[in-house]
Amino acid sequence: MKNVLKSIVTLSALALAMQAQAAPYQSIVPAKSSVTFSYKQMGVAMDGRFKKFAAQVNFDPAKAEQAKVSFEVDLASVDAGSSEADDEVVTKSWFNAAAFPKAQFVAKQFKQTAPHQYEVQGTLSIKGLTREVKFPMKHTAQGKDGLLTGGFTLKRADFSIGEGMWAKFDVVANDIQVNFSITAQASK
């Protein structure tokens, strides 16, 4: 009987410890996070990233359906691989960052599809145009922090990214793969 009680106490303590670690994530750690993209230019694979972004987060992996997440990317913080490309992509033909400085994603629904895996649905707004997007996201616990990773394919024509002489897809492809790796933490 003594061993049974000891086991129950140990299991109860373990369960409480696990609950304490499962506090909802309420902020991101930008230094441990990234938003990247890849595309083809004249058939050659190219990569880039955004250096500045922010998020409003309330995500508890155990209650994903109650999550509230919005994410903003500073479009002028783009690193497209060269200063010439960086200067071009913020112009009116591309992001028009002067008139539309931020891209924004607002999650509308999180649905768990497997352990630590979710389908996220929401709206993405770029250049004053808003479209529905859906993508898979994976959660990996890292102590008190959590790593949220995922990605989706953006069709640049859907957001008028690359207008005028850039509207055709012979130089820059229509498909842009956007990936994120976000370290989230519980409030302190």
C-alpha atoms as a PDB file:
ATOM      1  CA  MET A   1       0.000   0.000   0.000  1.00  0.00           C
ATOM      2  CA  LYS A   2       2.876   2.327   0.825  1.00  0.00           C
ATOM      3  CA  ASN A   3       4.326   1.849  -2.690  1.00  0.00           C
ATOM      4  CA  VAL A   4       0.928   2.540  -4.285  1.00  0.00           C
ATOM      5  CA  LEU A   5       0.561   5.807  -2.348  1.00  0.00           C
ATOM      6  CA  LYS A   6       4.118   6.784  -3.241  1.00  0.00           C
ATOM      7  CA  SER A   7       3.371   6.125  -6.936  1.00  0.00           C
ATOM      8  CA  ILE A   8       0.168   8.192  -6.811  1.00  0.00           C
ATOM      9  CA  VAL A   9       1.989  11.095  -5.145  1.00  0.00           C
ATOM     10  CA  THR A  10       4.807  10.888  -7.713  1.00  0.00           C
ATOM     11  CA  LEU A  11       2.359  10.801 -10.640  1.00  0.00           C
ATOM     12  CA  SER A  12       0.376  13.704  -9.193  1.00  0.00           C
ATOM     13  CA  ALA A  13       3.537  15.788  -8.772  1.00  0.00           C
ATOM     14  CA  LEU A  14       4.586  14.947 -12.339  1.00  0.00           C
ATOM     15  CA  ALA A  15       1.161  15.917 -13.686  1.00  0.00           C
ATOM     16  CA  LEU A  16       1.278  19.252 -11.828  1.00  0.00           C
ATOM     17  CA  ALA A  17       4.786  19.938 -13.131  1.00  0.00           C
ATOM     18  CA  MET A  18       3.650  19.218 -16.691  1.00  0.00           C
ATOM     19  CA  GLN A  19       0.667  21.553 -16.288  1.00  0.00           C
ATOM     20  CA  ALA A  20       2.933  24.303 -14.976  1.00  0.00           C
ATOM     21  CA  GLN A  21       5.111  24.000 -18.101  1.00  0.00           C
ATOM     22  CA  ALA A  22       2.057  24.089 -20.367  1.00  0.00           C
ATOM     23  CA  ALA A  23       1.325  27.783 -19.754  1.00  0.00           C
ATOM     24  CA  PRO A  24       0.082  29.510 -22.895  1.00  0.00           C
ATOM     25  CA  TYR A  25       2.709  31.151 -25.058  1.00  0.00           C
ATOM     26  CA  GLN A  26       2.156  34.894 -25.046  1.00  0.00           C
ATOM     27  CA  SER A  27       5.139  36.407 -26.827  1.00  0.00           C
ATOM     28  CA  ILE A  28       7.824  35.582 -29.343  1.00  0.00           C
ATOM     29  CA  VAL A  29      11.605  35.766 -29.119  1.00  0.00           C
ATOM     30  CA  PRO A  30      12.610  37.576 -32.343  1.00  0.00           C
ATOM     31  CA  ALA A  31      16.314  36.714 -31.936  1.00  0.00           C
ATOM     32  CA  LYS A  32      15.387  32.998 -31.993  1.00  0.00           C
ATOM     33  CA  SER A  33      12.762  33.327 -34.739  1.00  0.00           C
ATOM     34  CA  SER A  34      12.792  33.723 -38.500  1.00  0.00           C
ATOM     35  CA  VAL A  35      10.544  34.446 -41.457  1.00  0.00           C
ATOM     36  CA  THR A  36      12.137  33.330 -44.717  1.00  0.00           C
ATOM     37  CA  PHE A  37      11.092  32.935 -48.325  1.00  0.00           C
ATOM     38  CA  SER A  38      12.337  31.178 -51.421  1.00  0.00           C
ATOM     39  CA  TYR A  39      11.474  31.562 -55.084  1.00  0.00           C
ATOM     40  CA  LYS A  40      12.885  31.080 -58.560  1.00  0.00           C
ATOM     41  CA  GLN A  41      14.355  33.891 -60.596  1.00  0.00           C
ATOM     42  CA  MET A  42      15.120  32.933 -64.190  1.00  0.00           C
ATOM     43  CA  GLY A  43      14.903  29.305 -63.072  1.00  0.00           C
ATOM     44  CA  VAL A  44      17.493  29.751 -60.308  1.00  0.00           C
ATOM     45  CA  ALA A  45      16.512  29.108 -56.682  1.00  0.00           C
ATOM     46  CA  MET A  46      16.779  32.271 -54.541  1.00  0.00           C
ATOM     47  CA  ASP A  47      16.324  32.799 -50.806  1.00  0.00           C
ATOM     48  CA  GLY A  48      15.489  35.760 -48.615  1.00  0.00           C
ATOM     49  CA  ARG A  49      14.270  36.747 -45.187  1.00  0.00           C
ATOM     50  CA  PHE A  50      12.607  39.505 -43.223  1.00  0.00           C
ATOM     51  CA  LYS A  51      14.635  40.995 -40.383  1.00  0.00           C
ATOM     52  CA  LYS A  52      11.788  42.696 -38.467  1.00  0.00           C
ATOM     53  CA  PHE A  53       8.476  41.196 -37.401  1.00  0.00           C
ATOM     54  CA  ALA A  54       6.208  41.181 -34.369  1.00  0.00           C
ATOM     55  CA  ALA A  55       3.351  39.060 -33.067  1.00  0.00           C
ATOM     56  CA  GLN A  56       0.455  39.047 -30.647  1.00  0.00           C
ATOM     57  CA  VAL A  57       0.285  35.482 -29.328  1.00  0.00           C
ATOM     58  CA  ASN A  58      -1.994  33.530 -27.028  1.00  0.00           C
ATOM     59  CA  PHE A  59      -1.376  29.889 -27.904  1.00  0.00           C
ATOM     60  CA  ASP A  60      -1.787  26.918 -25.589  1.00  0.00           C
ATOM     61  CA  PRO A  61      -0.975  23.667 -27.443  1.00  0.00           C
ATOM     62  CA  ALA A  62      -3.466  21.812 -25.217  1.00  0.00           C
ATOM     63  CA  LYS A  63      -6.263  24.244 -26.190  1.00  0.00           C
ATOM     64  CA  ALA A  64      -5.280  25.126 -29.748  1.00  0.00           C
ATOM     65  CA  GLU A  65      -8.868  25.828 -30.796  1.00  0.00           C
ATOM     66  CA  GLN A  66      -8.846  28.851 -28.431  1.00  0.00           C
ATOM     67  CA  ALA A  67      -5.631  30.354 -29.811  1.00  0.00           C
ATOM     68  CA  LYS A  68      -5.418  33.998 -30.840  1.00  0.00           C
ATOM     69  CA  VAL A  69      -2.460  34.936 -33.016  1.00  0.00           C
ATOM     70  CA  SER A  70      -1.662  37.890 -35.268  1.00  0.00           C
ATOM     71  CA  PHE A  71       1.635  38.508 -36.970  1.00  0.00           C
ATOM     72  CA  GLU A  72       3.104  41.570 -38.695  1.00  0.00           C
ATOM     73  CA  VAL A  73       6.131  41.697 -40.972  1.00  0.00           C
ATOM     74  CA  ASP A  74       7.963  44.957 -41.681  1.00  0.00           C
ATOM     75  CA  LEU A  75       8.271  44.748 -45.476  1.00  0.00           C
ATOM     76  CA  ALA A  76      11.122  47.286 -45.632  1.00  0.00           C
ATOM     77  CA  SER A  77      13.218  44.881 -43.530  1.00  0.00           C
ATOM     78  CA  VAL A  78      13.505  42.485 -46.471  1.00  0.00           C
ATOM     79  CA  ASP A  79      16.838  40.854 -47.210  1.00  0.00           C
ATOM     80  CA  ALA A  80      16.530  39.461 -50.738  1.00  0.00           C
ATOM     81  CA  GLY A  81      20.216  38.639 -51.086  1.00  0.00           C
ATOM     82  CA  SER A  82      21.644  41.914 -52.412  1.00  0.00           C
ATOM     83  CA  SER A  83      21.216  45.614 -51.731  1.00  0.00           C
ATOM     84  CA  GLU A  84      19.993  46.097 -55.318  1.00  0.00           C
ATOM     85  CA  ALA A  85      17.269  43.478 -54.866  1.00  0.00           C
ATOM     86  CA  ASP A  86      16.366  44.871 -51.417  1.00  0.00           C
ATOM     87  CA  ASP A  87      15.928  48.366 -52.916  1.00  0.00           C
ATOM     88  CA  GLU A  88      13.834  47.048 -55.822  1.00  0.00           C
ATOM     89  CA  VAL A  89      11.451  44.818 -53.867  1.00  0.00           C
ATOM     90  CA  VAL A  90      10.198  47.685 -51.642  1.00  0.00           C
ATOM     91  CA  THR A  91       9.206  49.823 -54.658  1.00  0.00           C
ATOM     92  CA  LYS A  92       5.650  50.433 -55.843  1.00  0.00           C
ATOM     93  CA  SER A  93       5.850  47.585 -58.374  1.00  0.00           C
ATOM     94  CA  TRP A  94       6.625  45.015 -55.691  1.00  0.00           C
ATOM     95  CA  PHE A  95       5.677  45.523 -52.002  1.00  0.00           C
ATOM     96  CA  ASN A  96       5.001  49.271 -52.241  1.00  0.00           C
ATOM     97  CA  ALA A  97       6.370  49.504 -48.699  1.00  0.00           C
ATOM     98  CA  ALA A  98       5.920  53.302 -48.598  1.00  0.00           C
ATOM     99  CA  ALA A  99       2.124  52.928 -48.862  1.00  0.00           C
ATOM    100  CA  PHE A 100       1.820  49.447 -47.305  1.00  0.00           C
ATOM    101  CA  PRO A 101       4.675  49.059 -44.789  1.00  0.00           C
ATOM    102  CA  LYS A 102       3.413  45.844 -43.163  1.00  0.00           C
ATOM    103  CA  ALA A 103       2.175  42.437 -44.202  1.00  0.00           C
ATOM    104  CA  GLN A 104      -0.234  40.983 -41.645  1.00  0.00           C
ATOM    105  CA  PHE A 105      -1.484  37.502 -40.859  1.00  0.00           C
ATOM    106  CA  VAL A 106      -4.435  36.981 -38.484  1.00  0.00           C
ATOM    107  CA  ALA A 107      -5.225  33.418 -37.458  1.00  0.00           C
ATOM    108  CA  LYS A 108      -8.922  32.534 -37.480  1.00  0.00           C
ATOM    109  CA  GLN A 109      -8.723  28.834 -36.603  1.00  0.00           C
ATOM    110  CA  PHE A 110      -6.289  26.288 -35.195  1.00  0.00           C
ATOM    111  CA  LYS A 111      -7.165  22.629 -35.572  1.00  0.00           C
ATOM    112  CA  GLN A 112      -5.047  19.829 -34.142  1.00  0.00           C
ATOM    113  CA  THR A 113      -4.390  17.209 -36.842  1.00  0.00           C
ATOM    114  CA  ALA A 114      -1.932  14.943 -34.964  1.00  0.00           C
ATOM    115  CA  PRO A 115       0.104  15.165 -31.765  1.00  0.00           C
ATOM    116  CA  HIS A 116       1.971  18.505 -31.887  1.00  0.00           C
ATOM    117  CA  GLN A 117       0.655  19.269 -35.371  1.00  0.00           C
ATOM    118  CA  TYR A 118      -2.012  21.764 -36.371  1.00  0.00           C
ATOM    119  CA  GLU A 119      -3.773  23.179 -39.369  1.00  0.00           C
ATOM    120  CA  VAL A 120      -3.884  26.964 -39.194  1.00  0.00           C
ATOM    121  CA  GLN A 121      -6.369  29.014 -41.166  1.00  0.00           C
ATOM    122  CA  GLY A 122      -6.456  32.789 -41.344  1.00  0.00           C
ATOM    123  CA  THR A 123      -6.138  35.894 -43.478  1.00  0.00           C
ATOM    124  CA  LEU A 124      -2.991  37.302 -45.022  1.00  0.00           C
ATOM    125  CA  SER A 125      -2.945  40.975 -46.040  1.00  0.00           C
ATOM    126  CA  ILE A 126      -0.297  42.456 -48.328  1.00  0.00           C
ATOM    127  CA  LYS A 127      -0.552  45.718 -50.322  1.00  0.00           C
ATOM    128  CA  GLY A 128      -4.130  46.279 -49.184  1.00  0.00           C
ATOM    129  CA  LEU A 129      -5.258  42.888 -50.512  1.00  0.00           C
ATOM    130  CA  THR A 130      -6.480  40.160 -48.154  1.00  0.00           C
ATOM    131  CA  ARG A 131      -6.631  36.452 -48.938  1.00  0.00           C
ATOM    132  CA  GLU A 132      -7.472  33.315 -46.961  1.00  0.00           C
ATOM    133  CA  VAL A 133      -4.527  31.010 -46.289  1.00  0.00           C
ATOM    134  CA  LYS A 134      -4.272  27.577 -44.698  1.00  0.00           C
ATOM    135  CA  PHE A 135      -1.069  25.794 -43.705  1.00  0.00           C
ATOM    136  CA  PRO A 136       0.346  23.100 -41.420  1.00  0.00           C
ATOM    137  CA  MET A 137       2.187  24.089 -38.241  1.00  0.00           C
ATOM    138  CA  LYS A 138       4.263  21.962 -35.901  1.00  0.00           C
ATOM    139  CA  HIS A 139       4.854  22.630 -32.187  1.00  0.00           C
ATOM    140  CA  THR A 140       8.015  21.407 -30.478  1.00  0.00           C
ATOM    141  CA  ALA A 141       8.385  22.024 -26.730  1.00  0.00           C
ATOM    142  CA  GLN A 142      11.776  23.408 -25.719  1.00  0.00           C
ATOM    143  CA  GLY A 143      11.650  23.686 -21.947  1.00  0.00           C
ATOM    144  CA  LYS A 144       9.302  26.577 -21.138  1.00  0.00           C
ATOM    145  CA  ASP A 145       9.550  27.831 -24.706  1.00  0.00           C
ATOM    146  CA  GLY A 146       7.936  26.355 -27.776  1.00  0.00           C
ATOM    147  CA  LEU A 147       9.111  26.230 -31.366  1.00  0.00           C
ATOM    148  CA  LEU A 148       6.348  26.805 -33.933  1.00  0.00           C
ATOM    149  CA  THR A 149       7.326  25.936 -37.503  1.00  0.00           C
ATOM    150  CA  GLY A 150       5.460  25.848 -40.770  1.00  0.00           C
ATOM    151  CA  GLY A 151       5.074  27.364 -44.182  1.00  0.00           C
ATOM    152  CA  PHE A 152       2.876  27.949 -47.200  1.00  0.00           C
ATOM    153  CA  THR A 153       3.098  28.868 -50.861  1.00  0.00           C
ATOM    154  CA  LEU A 154       2.118  32.430 -51.668  1.00  0.00           C
ATOM    155  CA  LYS A 155       1.050  33.286 -55.214  1.00  0.00           C
ATOM    156  CA  ARG A 156       2.541  36.737 -55.743  1.00  0.00           C
ATOM    157  CA  ALA A 157      -0.084  37.604 -58.373  1.00  0.00           C
ATOM    158  CA  ASP A 158      -2.800  37.210 -55.695  1.00  0.00           C
ATOM    159  CA  PHE A 159      -1.288  40.239 -53.906  1.00  0.00           C
ATOM    160  CA  SER A 160      -0.108  42.278 -56.932  1.00  0.00           C
ATOM    161  CA  ILE A 161       3.512  41.686 -55.930  1.00  0.00           C
ATOM    162  CA  GLY A 162       5.448  42.396 -59.116  1.00  0.00           C
ATOM    163  CA  GLU A 163       3.368  44.751 -61.243  1.00  0.00           C
ATOM    164  CA  GLY A 164       4.013  46.311 -64.630  1.00  0.00           C
ATOM    165  CA  MET A 165       7.015  44.772 -66.361  1.00  0.00           C
ATOM    166  CA  TRP A 166       7.271  42.236 -63.492  1.00  0.00           C
ATOM    167  CA  ALA A 167       3.688  40.944 -63.824  1.00  0.00           C
ATOM    168  CA  LYS A 168       4.715  38.004 -66.009  1.00  0.00           C
ATOM    169  CA  PHE A 169       6.350  34.989 -64.412  1.00  0.00           C
ATOM    170  CA  ASP A 170       9.157  34.494 -66.933  1.00  0.00           C
ATOM    171  CA  VAL A 171      11.774  36.272 -64.768  1.00  0.00           C
ATOM    172  CA  VAL A 172      10.385  35.820 -61.236  1.00  0.00           C
ATOM    173  CA  ALA A 173       8.112  32.822 -60.589  1.00  0.00           C
ATOM    174  CA  ASN A 174       4.595  33.278 -59.227  1.00  0.00           C
ATOM    175  CA  ASP A 175       5.122  30.767 -56.388  1.00  0.00           C
ATOM    176  CA  ILE A 176       6.901  32.112 -53.322  1.00  0.00           C
ATOM    177  CA  GLN A 177       7.495  29.626 -50.496  1.00  0.00           C
ATOM    178  CA  VAL A 178       7.170  31.358 -47.114  1.00  0.00           C
ATOM    179  CA  ASN A 179       8.519  29.555 -44.030  1.00  0.00           C
ATOM    180  CA  PHE A 180       8.564  30.500 -40.389  1.00  0.00           C
ATOM    181  CA  SER A 181      10.336  29.255 -37.307  1.00  0.00           C
ATOM    182  CA  ILE A 182       9.027  31.082 -34.248  1.00  0.00           C
ATOM    183  CA  THR A 183      10.254  30.644 -30.689  1.00  0.00           C
ATOM    184  CA  ALA A 184       7.344  31.459 -28.397  1.00  0.00           C
ATOM    185  CA  GLN A 185       7.434  31.868 -24.634  1.00  0.00           C
ATOM    186  CA  ALA A 186       5.002  32.060 -21.757  1.00  0.00           C
ATOM    187  CA  SER A 187       4.622  35.460 -20.138  1.00  0.00           C
ATOM    188  CA  LYS A 188       7.068  36.058 -17.339  1.00  0.00           C
END
